[in-house]
């Protein structure tokens, strides 16, 4: 059983889009999406430096564009093949918009347009107060969360695999570095704000307005939500969750629990891949993984799809679904 996942902000690196431009049709698609977003995606994905693409308003459209390009390159006919071959799809934070497009909730163009507005709104919210994020690795998860809350920080990403991302003001993060949770390491992250916290609340009304003009479809492939790890079957519900998720924690640990309940045997992370595969290796032992970083890996990824595509080995009804009573 195959799961397709898309990474979030922070996964981008200078030049990571360069090898994908050699594939037929990619330059034309990126030109179209650049017009939609008002950003030169080719420039930012091939020539811009790390600090430039760290800008939230740039990073988010770039990540969604790269995820769509790399995922669609895996299939002869993505619209037909993804529902037939992929058992579930999800994305981490902004990667949820990639997953929404891959599962038919949004068109590619609407996903690019929405993520551009999302990135700008979150960048504006981040500019109000000096905030950031730090990864907390190790320690007892309950003790880590309690320690963060004691310092006034939010556990913004509960990622599983021994990783929780703390978010808050610069002063709160400095206090965390000086007073670490027991048996844990703290690593500051190169992001431009305290994403998925109350600091992002000003972005929500902008997104609520933006989604009113979108054509929304129900997902043709099970969509697993960051909010609670549930499978969401309504496109309107997916989009409502996308809007509100910017100011609420990401529960990637619960998404991985749902993958397990669905019977996952293989997981492919689309470009710029690596982070989610790393978490899966720790939280989903025995599951084959592939981080799709360059087109050179497409053949290996297709072999993995051929081996693991098809119905789940467990009853899909066992997976938690949005609106159900399962906790």
C-alpha atoms as a PDB file:
ATOM      1  CA  UNK A   1       0.000   0.000   0.000  1.00  0.00           C
ATOM      2  CA  UNK A   2       1.532   3.263  -1.205  1.00  0.00           C
ATOM      3  CA  UNK A   3       1.381   6.700   0.435  1.00  0.00           C
ATOM      4  CA  UNK A   4       2.477   9.893  -1.324  1.00  0.00           C
ATOM      5  CA  UNK A   5       3.618  12.784   0.899  1.00  0.00           C
ATOM      6  CA  UNK A   6       4.806  16.365   0.303  1.00  0.00           C
ATOM      7  CA  UNK A   7       7.276  18.285   2.500  1.00  0.00           C
ATOM      8  CA  UNK A   8       6.801  21.637   4.186  1.00  0.00           C
ATOM      9  CA  UNK A   9       8.725  24.875   4.510  1.00  0.00           C
ATOM     10  CA  UNK A  10      12.398  24.515   5.313  1.00  0.00           C
ATOM     11  CA  UNK A  11      12.889  21.640   2.865  1.00  0.00           C
ATOM     12  CA  UNK A  12      13.948  24.003   0.051  1.00  0.00           C
ATOM     13  CA  UNK A  13      17.639  24.405  -0.863  1.00  0.00           C
ATOM     14  CA  UNK A  14      19.296  26.616  -3.480  1.00  0.00           C
ATOM     15  CA  UNK A  15      19.077  25.184  -7.003  1.00  0.00           C
ATOM     16  CA  UNK A  16      16.916  22.199  -6.059  1.00  0.00           C
ATOM     17  CA  UNK A  17      14.577  22.736  -9.009  1.00  0.00           C
ATOM     18  CA  UNK A  18      17.362  22.750 -11.623  1.00  0.00           C
ATOM     19  CA  UNK A  19      17.374  19.049 -12.639  1.00  0.00           C
ATOM     20  CA  UNK A  20      13.591  18.962 -13.038  1.00  0.00           C
ATOM     21  CA  UNK A  21      13.762  21.516 -15.861  1.00  0.00           C
ATOM     22  CA  UNK A  22      15.240  18.839 -18.132  1.00  0.00           C
ATOM     23  CA  UNK A  23      11.916  16.960 -18.183  1.00  0.00           C
ATOM     24  CA  UNK A  24       9.572  17.608 -21.127  1.00  0.00           C
ATOM     25  CA  UNK A  25       6.912  20.223 -20.440  1.00  0.00           C
ATOM     26  CA  UNK A  26       8.259  21.335 -17.063  1.00  0.00           C
ATOM     27  CA  UNK A  27       9.539  24.730 -18.211  1.00  0.00           C
ATOM     28  CA  UNK A  28       6.185  25.521 -19.806  1.00  0.00           C
ATOM     29  CA  UNK A  29       4.240  24.535 -16.700  1.00  0.00           C
ATOM     30  CA  UNK A  30       6.513  26.604 -14.474  1.00  0.00           C
ATOM     31  CA  UNK A  31       6.091  29.568 -16.810  1.00  0.00           C
ATOM     32  CA  UNK A  32       2.305  29.250 -16.496  1.00  0.00           C
ATOM     33  CA  UNK A  33       2.491  28.952 -12.707  1.00  0.00           C
ATOM     34  CA  UNK A  34       4.911  31.888 -12.545  1.00  0.00           C
ATOM     35  CA  UNK A  35       2.279  33.994 -14.287  1.00  0.00           C
ATOM     36  CA  UNK A  36      -0.365  32.805 -11.814  1.00  0.00           C
ATOM     37  CA  UNK A  37       1.799  33.511  -8.766  1.00  0.00           C
ATOM     38  CA  UNK A  38       3.592  36.626  -9.962  1.00  0.00           C
ATOM     39  CA  UNK A  39       6.895  34.938  -9.082  1.00  0.00           C
ATOM     40  CA  UNK A  40       9.653  33.751 -11.415  1.00  0.00           C
ATOM     41  CA  UNK A  41       9.633  30.195 -10.076  1.00  0.00           C
ATOM     42  CA  UNK A  42      12.447  29.067 -12.363  1.00  0.00           C
ATOM     43  CA  UNK A  43      14.717  31.836 -11.089  1.00  0.00           C
ATOM     44  CA  UNK A  44      13.943  31.121  -7.447  1.00  0.00           C
ATOM     45  CA  UNK A  45      14.291  27.379  -7.898  1.00  0.00           C
ATOM     46  CA  UNK A  46      17.593  27.502  -9.803  1.00  0.00           C
ATOM     47  CA  UNK A  47      19.518  30.718  -9.128  1.00  0.00           C
ATOM     48  CA  UNK A  48      18.346  32.315  -5.881  1.00  0.00           C
ATOM     49  CA  UNK A  49      20.391  31.903  -2.702  1.00  0.00           C
ATOM     50  CA  UNK A  50      19.306  30.298   0.562  1.00  0.00           C
ATOM     51  CA  UNK A  51      18.341  33.559   2.255  1.00  0.00           C
ATOM     52  CA  UNK A  52      16.158  34.638  -0.674  1.00  0.00           C
ATOM     53  CA  UNK A  53      14.184  31.398  -0.792  1.00  0.00           C
ATOM     54  CA  UNK A  54      13.836  31.429   2.989  1.00  0.00           C
ATOM     55  CA  UNK A  55      11.298  34.246   2.508  1.00  0.00           C
ATOM     56  CA  UNK A  56       7.933  32.676   3.304  1.00  0.00           C
ATOM     57  CA  UNK A  57       6.228  34.429   0.393  1.00  0.00           C
ATOM     58  CA  UNK A  58       8.742  32.821  -1.996  1.00  0.00           C
ATOM     59  CA  UNK A  59       9.377  29.465  -0.327  1.00  0.00           C
ATOM     60  CA  UNK A  60       5.768  28.315  -0.165  1.00  0.00           C
ATOM     61  CA  UNK A  61       4.846  28.661  -3.880  1.00  0.00           C
ATOM     62  CA  UNK A  62       8.231  27.200  -4.811  1.00  0.00           C
ATOM     63  CA  UNK A  63       7.651  24.130  -2.648  1.00  0.00           C
ATOM     64  CA  UNK A  64       4.169  23.455  -4.002  1.00  0.00           C
ATOM     65  CA  UNK A  65       5.359  23.884  -7.602  1.00  0.00           C
ATOM     66  CA  UNK A  66       8.253  21.471  -7.044  1.00  0.00           C
ATOM     67  CA  UNK A  67       6.018  18.932  -5.328  1.00  0.00           C
ATOM     68  CA  UNK A  68       3.526  18.961  -8.180  1.00  0.00           C
ATOM     69  CA  UNK A  69       6.215  18.735 -10.883  1.00  0.00           C
ATOM     70  CA  UNK A  70       7.971  15.782  -9.234  1.00  0.00           C
ATOM     71  CA  UNK A  71       4.790  13.891  -8.262  1.00  0.00           C
ATOM     72  CA  UNK A  72       3.218  14.234 -11.684  1.00  0.00           C
ATOM     73  CA  UNK A  73       6.424  13.002 -13.326  1.00  0.00           C
ATOM     74  CA  UNK A  74       5.882   9.651 -11.615  1.00  0.00           C
ATOM     75  CA  UNK A  75       2.750   8.822 -13.607  1.00  0.00           C
ATOM     76  CA  UNK A  76       1.752   8.630 -17.280  1.00  0.00           C
ATOM     77  CA  UNK A  77      -1.654  10.135 -16.492  1.00  0.00           C
ATOM     78  CA  UNK A  78      -1.636  11.573 -12.945  1.00  0.00           C
ATOM     79  CA  UNK A  79      -5.381  12.304 -12.838  1.00  0.00           C
ATOM     80  CA  UNK A  80      -6.175   8.652 -13.615  1.00  0.00           C
ATOM     81  CA  UNK A  81      -3.161   6.922 -12.076  1.00  0.00           C
ATOM     82  CA  UNK A  82      -3.066   8.546  -8.647  1.00  0.00           C
ATOM     83  CA  UNK A  83      -6.590   7.352  -7.663  1.00  0.00           C
ATOM     84  CA  UNK A  84      -5.757   3.881  -8.990  1.00  0.00           C
ATOM     85  CA  UNK A  85      -2.260   3.437  -7.559  1.00  0.00           C
ATOM     86  CA  UNK A  86      -1.938   5.659  -4.462  1.00  0.00           C
ATOM     87  CA  UNK A  87      -3.758   4.585  -1.304  1.00  0.00           C
ATOM     88  CA  UNK A  88      -3.423   7.928   0.543  1.00  0.00           C
ATOM     89  CA  UNK A  89      -1.790  11.338   0.208  1.00  0.00           C
ATOM     90  CA  UNK A  90      -0.790  13.989   2.687  1.00  0.00           C
ATOM     91  CA  UNK A  91       1.525  16.938   3.101  1.00  0.00           C
ATOM     92  CA  UNK A  92       3.319  18.588   5.982  1.00  0.00           C
ATOM     93  CA  UNK A  93       2.146  22.183   6.537  1.00  0.00           C
ATOM     94  CA  UNK A  94       2.305  23.945   3.131  1.00  0.00           C
ATOM     95  CA  UNK A  95       2.709  20.468   1.617  1.00  0.00           C
ATOM     96  CA  UNK A  96      -1.002  20.033   2.340  1.00  0.00           C
ATOM     97  CA  UNK A  97      -1.718  22.288  -0.649  1.00  0.00           C
ATOM     98  CA  UNK A  98       0.412  20.011  -2.830  1.00  0.00           C
ATOM     99  CA  UNK A  99      -1.603  17.037  -1.575  1.00  0.00           C
ATOM    100  CA  UNK A 100      -4.869  18.904  -2.181  1.00  0.00           C
ATOM    101  CA  UNK A 101      -3.944  19.381  -5.836  1.00  0.00           C
ATOM    102  CA  UNK A 102      -2.690  15.812  -6.274  1.00  0.00           C
ATOM    103  CA  UNK A 103      -5.954  14.411  -4.874  1.00  0.00           C
ATOM    104  CA  UNK A 104      -8.180  16.594  -7.057  1.00  0.00           C
ATOM    105  CA  UNK A 105      -9.447  18.985  -4.380  1.00  0.00           C
ATOM    106  CA  UNK A 106      -7.820  21.958  -6.147  1.00  0.00           C
ATOM    107  CA  UNK A 107      -6.549  22.505  -9.664  1.00  0.00           C
ATOM    108  CA  UNK A 108      -2.800  23.057  -9.995  1.00  0.00           C
ATOM    109  CA  UNK A 109      -3.382  26.708 -10.846  1.00  0.00           C
ATOM    110  CA  UNK A 110      -5.678  27.284  -7.862  1.00  0.00           C
ATOM    111  CA  UNK A 111      -3.178  25.588  -5.548  1.00  0.00           C
ATOM    112  CA  UNK A 112      -0.410  27.880  -6.813  1.00  0.00           C
ATOM    113  CA  UNK A 113      -2.610  30.963  -6.523  1.00  0.00           C
ATOM    114  CA  UNK A 114      -3.733  30.042  -2.997  1.00  0.00           C
ATOM    115  CA  UNK A 115      -0.251  29.198  -1.774  1.00  0.00           C
ATOM    116  CA  UNK A 116       1.036  32.542  -3.049  1.00  0.00           C
ATOM    117  CA  UNK A 117      -1.639  34.316  -1.003  1.00  0.00           C
ATOM    118  CA  UNK A 118      -0.930  32.023   1.964  1.00  0.00           C
ATOM    119  CA  UNK A 119       2.791  32.774   1.849  1.00  0.00           C
ATOM    120  CA  UNK A 120       2.291  36.513   1.681  1.00  0.00           C
ATOM    121  CA  UNK A 121      -0.292  36.520   4.466  1.00  0.00           C
ATOM    122  CA  UNK A 122       1.919  34.424   6.738  1.00  0.00           C
ATOM    123  CA  UNK A 123       4.962  36.594   5.952  1.00  0.00           C
ATOM    124  CA  UNK A 124       2.972  39.688   6.919  1.00  0.00           C
ATOM    125  CA  UNK A 125       1.838  38.028  10.149  1.00  0.00           C
ATOM    126  CA  UNK A 126       5.414  37.006  10.932  1.00  0.00           C
ATOM    127  CA  UNK A 127       6.615  40.582  10.497  1.00  0.00           C
ATOM    128  CA  UNK A 128       4.497  41.830  13.421  1.00  0.00           C
ATOM    129  CA  UNK A 129       6.693  40.221  16.088  1.00  0.00           C
ATOM    130  CA  UNK A 130      10.159  38.650  15.937  1.00  0.00           C
ATOM    131  CA  UNK A 131       9.335  34.949  16.125  1.00  0.00           C
ATOM    132  CA  UNK A 132      10.811  31.643  15.018  1.00  0.00           C
ATOM    133  CA  UNK A 133      10.950  27.892  15.537  1.00  0.00           C
ATOM    134  CA  UNK A 134      13.335  25.326  17.021  1.00  0.00           C
ATOM    135  CA  UNK A 135      13.337  21.553  16.705  1.00  0.00           C
ATOM    136  CA  UNK A 136      13.389  19.618  19.959  1.00  0.00           C
ATOM    137  CA  UNK A 137      14.872  16.173  19.415  1.00  0.00           C
ATOM    138  CA  UNK A 138      14.537  13.411  21.994  1.00  0.00           C
ATOM    139  CA  UNK A 139      13.133  13.481  25.491  1.00  0.00           C
ATOM    140  CA  UNK A 140       9.766  12.226  26.672  1.00  0.00           C
ATOM    141  CA  UNK A 141       7.099  13.800  24.388  1.00  0.00           C
ATOM    142  CA  UNK A 142       4.705  14.643  27.221  1.00  0.00           C
ATOM    143  CA  UNK A 143       7.494  16.193  29.258  1.00  0.00           C
ATOM    144  CA  UNK A 144       8.730  18.142  26.239  1.00  0.00           C
ATOM    145  CA  UNK A 145       5.265  19.584  25.546  1.00  0.00           C
ATOM    146  CA  UNK A 146       4.839  20.543  29.214  1.00  0.00           C
ATOM    147  CA  UNK A 147       8.268  22.195  29.227  1.00  0.00           C
ATOM    148  CA  UNK A 148       7.467  24.207  26.103  1.00  0.00           C
ATOM    149  CA  UNK A 149       4.165  25.369  27.511  1.00  0.00           C
ATOM    150  CA  UNK A 150       5.915  26.412  30.726  1.00  0.00           C
ATOM    151  CA  UNK A 151       8.146  28.698  28.645  1.00  0.00           C
ATOM    152  CA  UNK A 152       5.159  30.107  26.735  1.00  0.00           C
ATOM    153  CA  UNK A 153       6.077  28.238  23.540  1.00  0.00           C
ATOM    154  CA  UNK A 154       3.718  26.301  21.276  1.00  0.00           C
ATOM    155  CA  UNK A 155       4.446  22.710  20.153  1.00  0.00           C
ATOM    156  CA  UNK A 156       3.702  23.788  16.583  1.00  0.00           C
ATOM    157  CA  UNK A 157       4.729  20.541  14.856  1.00  0.00           C
ATOM    158  CA  UNK A 158       4.343  17.251  16.684  1.00  0.00           C
ATOM    159  CA  UNK A 159       6.147  15.169  14.101  1.00  0.00           C
ATOM    160  CA  UNK A 160       6.621  11.790  15.758  1.00  0.00           C
ATOM    161  CA  UNK A 161       9.909   9.958  15.592  1.00  0.00           C
ATOM    162  CA  UNK A 162      11.162  11.886  18.619  1.00  0.00           C
ATOM    163  CA  UNK A 163      10.751  15.352  17.064  1.00  0.00           C
ATOM    164  CA  UNK A 164       8.642  18.260  18.272  1.00  0.00           C
ATOM    165  CA  UNK A 165       9.030  21.763  16.837  1.00  0.00           C
ATOM    166  CA  UNK A 166       8.656  24.644  19.263  1.00  0.00           C
ATOM    167  CA  UNK A 167       7.472  28.054  18.072  1.00  0.00           C
ATOM    168  CA  UNK A 168       7.252  31.437  19.719  1.00  0.00           C
ATOM    169  CA  UNK A 169       9.032  34.744  20.206  1.00  0.00           C
ATOM    170  CA  UNK A 170      12.790  35.157  19.937  1.00  0.00           C
ATOM    171  CA  UNK A 171      12.980  35.625  23.697  1.00  0.00           C
ATOM    172  CA  UNK A 172      11.027  32.430  24.381  1.00  0.00           C
ATOM    173  CA  UNK A 173      13.229  30.434  21.994  1.00  0.00           C
ATOM    174  CA  UNK A 174      16.358  31.845  23.654  1.00  0.00           C
ATOM    175  CA  UNK A 175      14.975  30.671  26.999  1.00  0.00           C
ATOM    176  CA  UNK A 176      14.465  27.205  25.503  1.00  0.00           C
ATOM    177  CA  UNK A 177      18.075  27.053  24.325  1.00  0.00           C
ATOM    178  CA  UNK A 178      19.212  27.933  27.837  1.00  0.00           C
ATOM    179  CA  UNK A 179      16.749  25.584  29.551  1.00  0.00           C
ATOM    180  CA  UNK A 180      16.326  22.438  27.450  1.00  0.00           C
ATOM    181  CA  UNK A 181      13.897  19.628  28.255  1.00  0.00           C
ATOM    182  CA  UNK A 182      15.495  16.643  29.933  1.00  0.00           C
ATOM    183  CA  UNK A 183      17.420  14.346  27.527  1.00  0.00           C
ATOM    184  CA  UNK A 184      16.597  16.570  24.547  1.00  0.00           C
ATOM    185  CA  UNK A 185      18.559  18.595  22.004  1.00  0.00           C
ATOM    186  CA  UNK A 186      17.370  21.940  20.638  1.00  0.00           C
ATOM    187  CA  UNK A 187      18.170  23.025  17.078  1.00  0.00           C
ATOM    188  CA  UNK A 188      17.101  26.482  15.819  1.00  0.00           C
ATOM    189  CA  UNK A 189      15.371  26.298  12.431  1.00  0.00           C
ATOM    190  CA  UNK A 190      15.892  28.671   9.511  1.00  0.00           C
ATOM    191  CA  UNK A 191      12.290  29.761   9.138  1.00  0.00           C
ATOM    192  CA  UNK A 192      10.854  33.254   9.110  1.00  0.00           C
ATOM    193  CA  UNK A 193       8.208  33.011  11.818  1.00  0.00           C
ATOM    194  CA  UNK A 194       6.265  31.045  14.408  1.00  0.00           C
ATOM    195  CA  UNK A 195       4.117  29.099  11.961  1.00  0.00           C
ATOM    196  CA  UNK A 196       1.085  27.127  13.168  1.00  0.00           C
ATOM    197  CA  UNK A 197       0.667  29.264  16.276  1.00  0.00           C
ATOM    198  CA  UNK A 198      -1.500  32.182  17.390  1.00  0.00           C
ATOM    199  CA  UNK A 199       1.069  34.475  15.767  1.00  0.00           C
ATOM    200  CA  UNK A 200      -0.324  33.404  12.382  1.00  0.00           C
ATOM    201  CA  UNK A 201      -3.954  34.217  13.227  1.00  0.00           C
ATOM    202  CA  UNK A 202      -3.915  37.457  11.145  1.00  0.00           C
ATOM    203  CA  UNK A 203      -3.420  35.321   8.010  1.00  0.00           C
ATOM    204  CA  UNK A 204      -6.655  33.367   8.486  1.00  0.00           C
ATOM    205  CA  UNK A 205      -9.152  36.033   7.294  1.00  0.00           C
ATOM    206  CA  UNK A 206      -7.072  36.599   4.148  1.00  0.00           C
ATOM    207  CA  UNK A 207      -7.246  32.896   3.322  1.00  0.00           C
ATOM    208  CA  UNK A 208     -10.948  32.685   4.160  1.00  0.00           C
ATOM    209  CA  UNK A 209     -11.536  35.357   1.551  1.00  0.00           C
ATOM    210  CA  UNK A 210      -9.176  33.771  -0.991  1.00  0.00           C
ATOM    211  CA  UNK A 211     -10.823  30.343  -1.001  1.00  0.00           C
ATOM    212  CA  UNK A 212     -14.295  31.729  -1.817  1.00  0.00           C
ATOM    213  CA  UNK A 213     -13.344  31.983  -5.489  1.00  0.00           C
ATOM    214  CA  UNK A 214     -11.929  28.460  -5.800  1.00  0.00           C
ATOM    215  CA  UNK A 215     -13.509  25.506  -7.595  1.00  0.00           C
ATOM    216  CA  UNK A 216     -13.335  22.728  -5.013  1.00  0.00           C
ATOM    217  CA  UNK A 217     -13.722  18.995  -5.644  1.00  0.00           C
ATOM    218  CA  UNK A 218     -13.942  16.047  -3.269  1.00  0.00           C
ATOM    219  CA  UNK A 219     -10.652  14.120  -3.032  1.00  0.00           C
ATOM    220  CA  UNK A 220     -10.442  11.155  -5.397  1.00  0.00           C
ATOM    221  CA  UNK A 221      -7.701   9.643  -3.195  1.00  0.00           C
ATOM    222  CA  UNK A 222      -7.840   9.493   0.628  1.00  0.00           C
ATOM    223  CA  UNK A 223      -6.521  12.799   1.966  1.00  0.00           C
ATOM    224  CA  UNK A 224      -4.951  12.682   5.439  1.00  0.00           C
ATOM    225  CA  UNK A 225      -5.190  15.966   7.343  1.00  0.00           C
ATOM    226  CA  UNK A 226      -2.535  17.626   9.539  1.00  0.00           C
ATOM    227  CA  UNK A 227      -5.223  18.758  11.952  1.00  0.00           C
ATOM    228  CA  UNK A 228      -5.901  15.362  13.487  1.00  0.00           C
ATOM    229  CA  UNK A 229      -4.563  12.669  11.154  1.00  0.00           C
ATOM    230  CA  UNK A 230      -8.045  11.847   9.889  1.00  0.00           C
ATOM    231  CA  UNK A 231      -8.967  10.881   6.356  1.00  0.00           C
ATOM    232  CA  UNK A 232     -11.040  13.750   4.959  1.00  0.00           C
ATOM    233  CA  UNK A 233     -13.596  12.884   2.280  1.00  0.00           C
ATOM    234  CA  UNK A 234     -15.115  16.328   1.645  1.00  0.00           C
ATOM    235  CA  UNK A 235     -13.258  18.861  -0.477  1.00  0.00           C
ATOM    236  CA  UNK A 236     -14.939  21.723   1.354  1.00  0.00           C
ATOM    237  CA  UNK A 237     -13.684  20.260   4.642  1.00  0.00           C
ATOM    238  CA  UNK A 238     -10.165  19.899   3.239  1.00  0.00           C
ATOM    239  CA  UNK A 239     -10.092  23.572   2.235  1.00  0.00           C
ATOM    240  CA  UNK A 240     -11.542  24.748   5.555  1.00  0.00           C
ATOM    241  CA  UNK A 241      -8.811  22.810   7.328  1.00  0.00           C
ATOM    242  CA  UNK A 242      -6.154  24.321   5.045  1.00  0.00           C
ATOM    243  CA  UNK A 243      -7.313  27.805   6.009  1.00  0.00           C
ATOM    244  CA  UNK A 244      -7.347  27.230   9.753  1.00  0.00           C
ATOM    245  CA  UNK A 245      -4.232  25.069   9.890  1.00  0.00           C
ATOM    246  CA  UNK A 246      -1.909  28.064   9.497  1.00  0.00           C
ATOM    247  CA  UNK A 247      -2.576  29.026  13.130  1.00  0.00           C
ATOM    248  CA  UNK A 248      -2.899  25.517  14.598  1.00  0.00           C
ATOM    249  CA  UNK A 249      -0.300  22.813  15.297  1.00  0.00           C
ATOM    250  CA  UNK A 250       0.648  20.209  12.709  1.00  0.00           C
ATOM    251  CA  UNK A 251       0.025  16.665  13.961  1.00  0.00           C
ATOM    252  CA  UNK A 252       2.247  14.704  11.599  1.00  0.00           C
ATOM    253  CA  UNK A 253       2.529  11.999  14.252  1.00  0.00           C
ATOM    254  CA  UNK A 254      -1.205  11.342  13.858  1.00  0.00           C
ATOM    255  CA  UNK A 255      -0.915  11.353  10.058  1.00  0.00           C
ATOM    256  CA  UNK A 256       1.688   8.580  10.306  1.00  0.00           C
ATOM    257  CA  UNK A 257      -0.550   6.646  12.688  1.00  0.00           C
ATOM    258  CA  UNK A 258      -3.279   6.774  10.041  1.00  0.00           C
ATOM    259  CA  UNK A 259      -0.853   5.573   7.350  1.00  0.00           C
ATOM    260  CA  UNK A 260      -0.125   2.614   9.604  1.00  0.00           C
ATOM    261  CA  UNK A 261      -3.832   1.881  10.144  1.00  0.00           C
ATOM    262  CA  UNK A 262      -4.403   2.017   6.381  1.00  0.00           C
ATOM    263  CA  UNK A 263      -1.732  -0.644   5.928  1.00  0.00           C
ATOM    264  CA  UNK A 264       1.105   1.409   4.429  1.00  0.00           C
ATOM    265  CA  UNK A 265       3.964  -0.646   2.969  1.00  0.00           C
ATOM    266  CA  UNK A 266       5.748   2.082   0.989  1.00  0.00           C
ATOM    267  CA  UNK A 267       6.025   5.871   1.213  1.00  0.00           C
ATOM    268  CA  UNK A 268       7.321   8.273  -1.441  1.00  0.00           C
ATOM    269  CA  UNK A 269       8.137  11.866  -0.504  1.00  0.00           C
ATOM    270  CA  UNK A 270       8.051  14.282  -3.448  1.00  0.00           C
ATOM    271  CA  UNK A 271      10.652  16.984  -4.069  1.00  0.00           C
ATOM    272  CA  UNK A 272      12.381  18.579  -2.208  1.00  0.00           C
ATOM    273  CA  UNK A 273      12.325  15.339  -0.271  1.00  0.00           C
ATOM    274  CA  UNK A 274      14.087  13.958   2.775  1.00  0.00           C
ATOM    275  CA  UNK A 275      12.503  15.311   5.950  1.00  0.00           C
ATOM    276  CA  UNK A 276       9.331  13.202   5.962  1.00  0.00           C
ATOM    277  CA  UNK A 277      11.185  10.059   4.889  1.00  0.00           C
ATOM    278  CA  UNK A 278      13.480  10.580   7.872  1.00  0.00           C
ATOM    279  CA  UNK A 279      10.501  10.723  10.222  1.00  0.00           C
ATOM    280  CA  UNK A 280       8.903   7.684   8.593  1.00  0.00           C
ATOM    281  CA  UNK A 281      12.050   5.601   9.015  1.00  0.00           C
ATOM    282  CA  UNK A 282      11.820   6.135  12.762  1.00  0.00           C
ATOM    283  CA  UNK A 283       8.043   5.941  13.208  1.00  0.00           C
ATOM    284  CA  UNK A 284       7.079   3.366  10.546  1.00  0.00           C
ATOM    285  CA  UNK A 285       9.643   0.555  10.767  1.00  0.00           C
ATOM    286  CA  UNK A 286       9.431  -1.947   7.950  1.00  0.00           C
ATOM    287  CA  UNK A 287       7.889   0.533   5.518  1.00  0.00           C
ATOM    288  CA  UNK A 288       9.919   1.074   2.356  1.00  0.00           C
ATOM    289  CA  UNK A 289      10.649   4.740   1.714  1.00  0.00           C
ATOM    290  CA  UNK A 290      12.006   6.862  -1.121  1.00  0.00           C
ATOM    291  CA  UNK A 291      12.927  10.549  -1.024  1.00  0.00           C
ATOM    292  CA  UNK A 292      12.371  11.822  -4.571  1.00  0.00           C
ATOM    293  CA  UNK A 293      15.021  14.539  -4.887  1.00  0.00           C
ATOM    294  CA  UNK A 294      15.966  14.432  -8.583  1.00  0.00           C
ATOM    295  CA  UNK A 295      14.636  12.932 -11.817  1.00  0.00           C
ATOM    296  CA  UNK A 296      17.412  10.329 -11.606  1.00  0.00           C
ATOM    297  CA  UNK A 297      15.282   8.597  -8.960  1.00  0.00           C
ATOM    298  CA  UNK A 298      12.101   8.410 -11.035  1.00  0.00           C
ATOM    299  CA  UNK A 299      12.760   4.864 -12.273  1.00  0.00           C
ATOM    300  CA  UNK A 300      13.354   3.611  -8.728  1.00  0.00           C
ATOM    301  CA  UNK A 301      10.210   5.383  -7.557  1.00  0.00           C
ATOM    302  CA  UNK A 302       8.151   3.847 -10.360  1.00  0.00           C
ATOM    303  CA  UNK A 303       9.441   0.404  -9.435  1.00  0.00           C
ATOM    304  CA  UNK A 304       8.331   1.029  -5.846  1.00  0.00           C
ATOM    305  CA  UNK A 305       4.904   2.112  -7.093  1.00  0.00           C
ATOM    306  CA  UNK A 306       4.559  -1.009  -9.235  1.00  0.00           C
ATOM    307  CA  UNK A 307       5.465  -3.204  -6.269  1.00  0.00           C
ATOM    308  CA  UNK A 308       3.246  -1.549  -3.667  1.00  0.00           C
ATOM    309  CA  UNK A 309       0.319  -0.009  -5.539  1.00  0.00           C
ATOM    310  CA  UNK A 310      -3.119  -1.460  -5.018  1.00  0.00           C
ATOM    311  CA  UNK A 311      -5.675  -1.900  -2.248  1.00  0.00           C
ATOM    312  CA  UNK A 312      -4.695  -1.728   1.381  1.00  0.00           C
ATOM    313  CA  UNK A 313      -4.003  -4.954   3.235  1.00  0.00           C
ATOM    314  CA  UNK A 314      -6.281  -3.774   6.034  1.00  0.00           C
ATOM    315  CA  UNK A 315      -9.881  -2.601   6.006  1.00  0.00           C
ATOM    316  CA  UNK A 316      -9.833   1.093   5.009  1.00  0.00           C
ATOM    317  CA  UNK A 317     -12.822   1.664   7.243  1.00  0.00           C
ATOM    318  CA  UNK A 318     -10.492   1.151  10.184  1.00  0.00           C
ATOM    319  CA  UNK A 319      -8.755   4.445   9.487  1.00  0.00           C
ATOM    320  CA  UNK A 320     -10.091   7.495  11.358  1.00  0.00           C
ATOM    321  CA  UNK A 321     -12.306   9.626   9.122  1.00  0.00           C
ATOM    322  CA  UNK A 322     -13.218  13.259   9.680  1.00  0.00           C
ATOM    323  CA  UNK A 323     -16.539  13.447  11.428  1.00  0.00           C
ATOM    324  CA  UNK A 324     -16.245   9.978  12.988  1.00  0.00           C
ATOM    325  CA  UNK A 325     -16.223   9.368  16.722  1.00  0.00           C
ATOM    326  CA  UNK A 326     -12.780   7.742  16.719  1.00  0.00           C
ATOM    327  CA  UNK A 327     -10.124   9.560  18.732  1.00  0.00           C
END
